[in-house]
Amino acid sequence: MKKNKVTKLIAAIGATVLMLGSLTGCGATEEVATETTKTAETATEATIETATETADETNADLSGTIAMAGSTSMEKLANAVAESFMMKYPGVTVTAEFTGSSAGVEAVLAGSVDIGNSSRNLKEEEIAGGAVENIVAIDGIAVVTDAANPVSDLTKEQLIGIYKGEIKNWSELGGEDMAIVVVGREAGSGTRGAFEELLEVEDACVYANELDSTGAVMAKVASTPGAIGYVSLDVLDDSVLALKLDGVDPTAENIKAGNYFLSRPFVMATNGEIATQSEVVQALFAYLESEEGKELISSVGLIVAD
């Protein structure tokens, strides 16, 4: 309704300008022509201000809260979405907790949060319980070692051998005579679940360290000679070495092309379809599907889901 009023105002101004222009063409003085231009400019400025105020009022009309919980791997995305969405809609408050993918899905099914963030596909039992899998982005899982490790490429079979405890020294892979320190995430982690499922090594991994966050894995691998771990693609930095897998670098381009085998979805699960959620939750998903939302997803190093 407000947009219609603005449209009508613009049309009215246009008609006024045309009418005054016609009068000028029929012999009006130069002073009248000047005044006509000034009137049109003033009216146009007023229209722009009104349109801006209308947009602000439209955003201000949306109010409420959105609670998210779940994957620590999705922390960067969740925080960016929360901050950007609250700037766009000042009347909305978005909170996010990072408790692990399984805990996030459990929370949304229990009704304690609106969105359960999961860095893996939902399990059959979760879907049977009412959880809906809304894939908002695609993430690559990077395999990392300490920066001084000379080994830069592993085959899928070698990676499986390392995590199953069958390959225990880097010298077996053309590296230095140094024990391999196998680092991974805690049970219930979406990153761990996706990693083990993609390699088909569920319940077969032999970990030296099981850590409770992506940041902890990065810090442990960076500071431990001989360490190897897995993290989300978007957190990579120069503190670690990201390995090639089967000769392929962990990049968004390679994941989109289907050439890099360690990739997984970022899911914002809801209890029931999006259309049945609150107005503010529906607005959040609409935002993520917009061009602005897609740019945000790309800006944090993730791949927009098709």
Protein backbone atom coordinates (compact mmCIF):
# COMPACT_ATOMS: atom_id res chain seq x y z
CA MET A 1 0.00 0.00 0.00
CA LYS A 2 2.79 2.44 0.86
CA LYS A 3 4.55 1.66 -2.40
CA ASN A 4 1.34 2.48 -4.29
CA LYS A 5 1.18 5.89 -2.59
CA VAL A 6 4.74 6.66 -3.62
CA THR A 7 4.01 5.57 -7.18
CA LYS A 8 0.95 7.81 -7.33
CA LEU A 9 2.96 10.73 -5.95
CA ILE A 10 5.62 10.28 -8.62
CA ALA A 11 2.94 10.11 -11.32
CA ALA A 12 1.30 13.27 -10.01
CA ILE A 13 4.59 15.13 -10.03
CA GLY A 14 5.27 13.97 -13.56
CA ALA A 15 1.87 15.22 -14.72
CA THR A 16 2.46 18.58 -13.04
CA VAL A 17 5.84 18.99 -14.71
CA LEU A 18 4.36 18.16 -18.11
CA MET A 19 1.52 20.64 -17.60
CA LEU A 20 3.82 23.45 -16.54
CA GLY A 21 6.15 22.63 -19.41
CA SER A 22 3.22 22.99 -21.81
CA LEU A 23 2.39 26.39 -20.36
CA THR A 24 5.96 27.48 -20.82
CA GLY A 25 5.87 26.37 -24.46
CA CYS A 26 2.72 28.44 -24.99
CA GLY A 27 4.46 31.72 -24.22
CA ALA A 28 5.29 31.67 -20.51
CA THR A 29 8.15 33.89 -19.48
CA GLU A 30 11.66 32.66 -18.69
CA GLU A 31 10.98 33.35 -15.00
CA VAL A 32 8.01 31.00 -15.08
CA ALA A 33 10.12 28.34 -16.78
CA THR A 34 12.77 28.68 -14.08
CA GLU A 35 10.18 28.43 -11.34
CA THR A 36 8.73 25.37 -13.07
CA THR A 37 12.14 23.67 -13.00
CA LYS A 38 12.67 24.56 -9.33
CA THR A 39 9.22 23.23 -8.44
CA ALA A 40 9.90 19.96 -10.25
CA GLU A 41 13.31 19.57 -8.57
CA THR A 42 11.86 20.25 -5.13
CA ALA A 43 9.02 17.80 -5.72
CA THR A 44 11.45 15.15 -6.97
CA GLU A 45 13.64 15.55 -3.88
CA ALA A 46 10.55 15.22 -1.70
CA THR A 47 9.55 12.06 -3.57
CA ILE A 48 12.99 10.49 -3.09
CA GLU A 49 12.88 11.31 0.61
CA THR A 50 9.38 9.84 0.86
CA ALA A 51 10.46 6.68 -0.98
CA THR A 52 13.45 6.28 1.33
CA GLU A 53 11.29 6.80 4.39
CA THR A 54 8.79 4.28 3.02
CA ALA A 55 11.54 1.67 2.58
CA ASP A 56 12.75 2.33 6.13
CA GLU A 57 9.18 2.08 7.44
CA THR A 58 8.66 -1.19 5.57
CA ASN A 59 11.77 -2.66 7.18
CA ALA A 60 10.81 -1.22 10.55
CA ASP A 61 7.41 -2.92 10.29
CA LEU A 62 9.11 -6.31 10.62
CA SER A 63 9.87 -7.14 14.24
CA GLY A 64 10.49 -10.18 16.37
CA THR A 65 13.26 -12.60 17.30
CA ILE A 66 15.05 -15.47 15.61
CA ALA A 67 17.05 -17.98 17.63
CA MET A 68 19.58 -20.22 15.90
CA ALA A 69 21.75 -22.98 17.36
CA GLY A 70 24.00 -25.67 15.97
CA SER A 71 27.13 -26.18 13.91
CA THR A 72 30.32 -24.44 15.01
CA SER A 73 31.48 -24.70 11.39
CA MET A 74 28.62 -22.38 10.46
CA GLU A 75 29.61 -19.73 13.02
CA LYS A 76 31.09 -17.34 10.46
CA LEU A 77 28.03 -17.59 8.19
CA ALA A 78 25.51 -17.42 11.03
CA ASN A 79 27.10 -14.34 12.58
CA ALA A 80 27.34 -12.59 9.20
CA VAL A 81 23.70 -13.35 8.41
CA ALA A 82 22.54 -12.21 11.85
CA GLU A 83 24.44 -8.92 11.66
CA SER A 84 23.38 -8.12 8.11
CA PHE A 85 19.73 -9.08 8.65
CA MET A 86 19.45 -6.97 11.81
CA MET A 87 20.90 -3.99 9.99
CA LYS A 88 18.30 -4.42 7.26
CA TYR A 89 15.49 -4.97 9.76
CA PRO A 90 16.25 -2.98 12.95
CA GLY A 91 13.17 -4.35 14.67
CA VAL A 92 14.43 -7.94 14.50
CA THR A 93 16.86 -9.58 16.92
CA VAL A 94 18.81 -12.63 15.73
CA THR A 95 20.83 -14.74 18.17
CA ALA A 96 23.07 -17.70 17.42
CA GLU A 97 24.63 -20.36 19.64
CA PHE A 98 27.20 -22.88 18.44
CA THR A 99 26.51 -26.21 20.08
CA GLY A 100 27.17 -28.69 17.27
CA SER A 101 24.99 -29.86 14.39
CA SER A 102 23.19 -32.67 16.18
CA ALA A 103 22.42 -30.46 19.16
CA GLY A 104 21.12 -27.75 16.83
CA VAL A 105 18.69 -30.09 15.09
CA GLU A 106 17.56 -31.48 18.44
CA ALA A 107 16.93 -27.93 19.66
CA VAL A 108 14.80 -26.95 16.67
CA LEU A 109 12.72 -30.12 17.00
CA ALA A 110 12.30 -29.43 20.72
CA GLY A 111 11.08 -25.92 19.90
CA SER A 112 13.78 -24.13 21.86
CA VAL A 113 15.17 -22.42 18.73
CA ASP A 114 13.74 -21.39 15.36
CA ILE A 115 16.60 -22.67 13.20
CA GLY A 116 18.97 -25.57 13.74
CA ASN A 117 22.24 -25.08 11.89
CA SER A 118 23.74 -28.31 10.59
CA SER A 119 26.93 -28.71 8.58
CA ARG A 120 25.76 -32.05 7.21
CA ASN A 121 22.69 -33.52 5.58
CA LEU A 122 19.92 -34.33 8.02
CA LYS A 123 19.60 -37.90 9.22
CA GLU A 124 16.57 -40.01 8.35
CA GLU A 125 15.39 -40.02 11.95
CA GLU A 126 15.67 -36.22 12.15
CA ILE A 127 13.57 -35.81 9.01
CA ALA A 128 11.08 -38.37 10.35
CA GLY A 129 10.84 -36.22 13.48
CA GLY A 130 9.73 -33.20 11.45
CA ALA A 131 13.00 -31.45 10.62
CA VAL A 132 13.14 -29.90 7.15
CA GLU A 133 16.49 -29.67 5.38
CA ASN A 134 16.96 -26.15 3.97
CA ILE A 135 20.35 -26.07 2.23
CA VAL A 136 21.59 -22.47 2.14
CA ALA A 137 25.23 -22.96 1.09
CA ILE A 138 27.86 -25.52 0.16
CA ASP A 139 31.09 -25.81 2.12
CA GLY A 140 34.28 -27.65 1.31
CA ILE A 141 36.15 -29.57 3.99
CA ALA A 142 39.84 -28.83 3.82
CA VAL A 143 42.44 -31.28 5.11
CA VAL A 144 45.20 -29.33 6.85
CA THR A 145 48.64 -30.00 8.29
CA ASP A 146 51.17 -27.84 10.10
CA ALA A 147 52.67 -25.32 7.70
CA ALA A 148 56.15 -26.93 7.76
CA ASN A 149 54.97 -30.33 6.53
CA PRO A 150 56.53 -31.08 3.09
CA VAL A 151 53.68 -33.41 2.05
CA SER A 152 51.23 -31.37 -0.02
CA ASP A 153 49.02 -33.97 -1.72
CA LEU A 154 47.18 -37.08 -0.55
CA THR A 155 45.07 -39.63 -2.36
CA LYS A 156 41.68 -40.58 -0.96
CA GLU A 157 43.06 -43.99 -0.02
CA GLN A 158 46.00 -42.43 1.85
CA LEU A 159 43.66 -40.11 3.76
CA ILE A 160 41.48 -43.04 4.75
CA GLY A 161 44.57 -44.97 5.85
CA ILE A 162 45.70 -42.08 8.06
CA TYR A 163 42.37 -41.71 9.83
CA LYS A 164 41.90 -45.45 10.30
CA GLY A 165 45.32 -45.62 11.94
CA GLU A 166 46.84 -47.77 9.19
CA ILE A 167 49.36 -45.10 8.10
CA LYS A 168 51.16 -43.73 11.15
CA ASN A 169 54.26 -41.93 9.90
CA TRP A 170 54.73 -39.20 7.31
CA SER A 171 57.71 -41.09 5.88
CA GLU A 172 55.21 -43.61 4.49
CA LEU A 173 53.85 -40.79 2.34
CA GLY A 174 57.15 -39.37 1.13
CA GLY A 175 57.54 -36.97 4.04
CA GLU A 176 59.82 -36.75 7.05
CA ASP A 177 60.24 -39.49 9.63
CA MET A 178 57.62 -38.04 11.93
CA ALA A 179 54.60 -39.53 13.65
CA ILE A 180 51.22 -38.48 12.28
CA VAL A 181 49.09 -36.79 14.94
CA VAL A 182 45.49 -37.37 13.88
CA VAL A 183 43.21 -34.50 14.93
CA GLY A 184 39.45 -34.45 14.50
CA ARG A 185 36.21 -33.10 15.86
CA GLU A 186 34.12 -34.38 18.73
CA ALA A 187 31.29 -36.91 18.31
CA GLY A 188 28.17 -35.09 17.15
CA SER A 189 30.08 -32.54 15.11
CA GLY A 190 28.62 -31.97 11.66
CA THR A 191 32.09 -31.57 10.19
CA ARG A 192 33.18 -34.90 11.64
CA GLY A 193 29.98 -36.59 10.51
CA ALA A 194 30.35 -35.28 6.96
CA PHE A 195 34.07 -36.07 6.79
CA GLU A 196 33.67 -39.65 8.02
CA GLU A 197 30.61 -40.26 5.84
CA LEU A 198 32.31 -38.96 2.70
CA LEU A 199 35.32 -41.21 3.36
CA GLU A 200 33.13 -44.10 4.58
CA VAL A 201 35.09 -44.40 7.81
CA GLU A 202 32.28 -43.92 10.34
CA ASP A 203 33.23 -45.38 13.73
CA ALA A 204 36.59 -46.50 12.30
CA CYS A 205 38.75 -43.43 12.92
CA VAL A 206 41.63 -43.44 15.39
CA TYR A 207 42.03 -39.93 16.79
CA ALA A 208 44.83 -38.58 18.93
CA ASN A 209 42.73 -35.49 19.68
CA GLU A 210 38.99 -34.90 19.43
CA LEU A 211 38.28 -31.17 19.70
CA ASP A 212 35.02 -29.29 20.12
CA SER A 213 35.35 -26.49 17.58
CA THR A 214 36.77 -25.62 14.18
CA GLY A 215 39.01 -22.99 15.78
CA ALA A 216 40.44 -25.53 18.21
CA VAL A 217 41.34 -27.88 15.34
CA MET A 218 43.06 -25.06 13.45
CA ALA A 219 45.05 -24.03 16.53
CA LYS A 220 46.08 -27.60 17.38
CA VAL A 221 47.21 -28.46 13.85
CA ALA A 222 49.06 -25.15 13.42
CA SER A 223 51.03 -25.65 16.65
CA THR A 224 51.71 -29.41 16.44
CA PRO A 225 54.45 -30.78 14.13
CA GLY A 226 53.13 -33.80 12.23
CA ALA A 227 49.49 -32.99 12.90
CA ILE A 228 46.67 -33.42 10.39
CA GLY A 229 43.06 -32.27 10.74
CA TYR A 230 39.97 -31.22 8.85
CA VAL A 231 38.20 -27.84 8.86
CA SER A 232 35.69 -25.80 6.90
CA LEU A 233 37.01 -24.23 3.72
CA ASP A 234 36.03 -20.72 4.83
CA VAL A 235 38.36 -20.65 7.87
CA LEU A 236 41.60 -21.41 6.03
CA ASP A 237 44.54 -19.09 6.66
CA ASP A 238 48.33 -19.12 6.43
CA SER A 239 48.78 -20.78 9.83
CA VAL A 240 48.23 -24.21 8.24
CA LEU A 241 48.83 -25.98 4.92
CA ALA A 242 45.70 -27.00 3.00
CA LEU A 243 46.47 -30.26 1.20
CA LYS A 244 45.51 -31.20 -2.31
CA LEU A 245 43.38 -34.34 -2.48
CA ASP A 246 43.89 -36.55 -5.52
CA GLY A 247 45.81 -33.60 -6.99
CA VAL A 248 42.92 -31.15 -6.55
CA ASP A 249 43.09 -27.96 -4.47
CA PRO A 250 40.25 -27.23 -2.02
CA THR A 251 38.71 -24.25 -3.82
CA ALA A 252 35.16 -23.13 -4.52
CA GLU A 253 35.76 -23.50 -8.25
CA ASN A 254 36.86 -27.11 -7.89
CA ILE A 255 33.92 -27.92 -5.63
CA LYS A 256 31.43 -26.37 -8.07
CA ALA A 257 33.01 -28.41 -10.85
CA GLY A 258 32.65 -31.59 -8.78
CA ASN A 259 36.40 -32.24 -8.79
CA TYR A 260 36.99 -32.04 -5.03
CA PHE A 261 35.48 -34.94 -3.12
CA LEU A 262 35.24 -33.43 0.38
CA SER A 263 32.28 -31.07 0.29
CA ARG A 264 29.04 -30.86 2.28
CA PRO A 265 25.90 -28.75 2.65
CA PHE A 266 25.26 -26.03 5.19
CA VAL A 267 21.70 -26.60 6.38
CA MET A 268 19.39 -24.26 8.28
CA ALA A 269 16.85 -26.78 9.52
CA THR A 270 13.33 -25.81 10.54
CA ASN A 271 10.63 -27.72 12.35
CA GLY A 272 8.25 -27.98 9.41
CA GLU A 273 8.33 -26.21 6.07
CA ILE A 274 9.55 -22.60 5.82
CA ALA A 275 6.05 -21.47 4.86
CA THR A 276 4.76 -22.56 8.28
CA GLN A 277 7.36 -20.56 10.22
CA SER A 278 6.98 -17.11 11.75
CA GLU A 279 7.02 -14.02 9.54
CA VAL A 280 10.54 -13.08 10.62
CA VAL A 281 11.93 -16.56 9.93
CA GLN A 282 10.33 -16.58 6.50
CA ALA A 283 11.85 -13.15 5.85
CA LEU A 284 15.30 -14.47 6.79
CA PHE A 285 15.10 -17.29 4.26
CA ALA A 286 13.79 -14.88 1.62
CA TYR A 287 16.79 -12.66 2.38
CA LEU A 288 19.21 -15.57 1.91
CA GLU A 289 17.66 -16.30 -1.49
CA SER A 290 17.96 -12.68 -2.61
CA GLU A 291 20.93 -11.30 -4.53
CA GLU A 292 22.04 -9.48 -1.38
CA GLY A 293 21.91 -12.73 0.58
CA LYS A 294 23.80 -14.64 -2.09
CA GLU A 295 26.53 -12.00 -2.07
CA LEU A 296 26.79 -12.37 1.70
CA ILE A 297 27.16 -16.15 1.43
CA SER A 298 29.92 -15.75 -1.15
CA SER A 299 31.65 -13.08 0.94
CA VAL A 300 32.30 -15.56 3.76
CA GLY A 301 33.95 -18.06 1.41
CA LEU A 302 31.00 -20.36 0.82
CA ILE A 303 29.28 -21.52 -2.35
CA VAL A 304 25.69 -20.48 -2.99
CA ALA A 305 23.39 -23.48 -3.17
CA ASP A 306 21.55 -23.86 -6.48
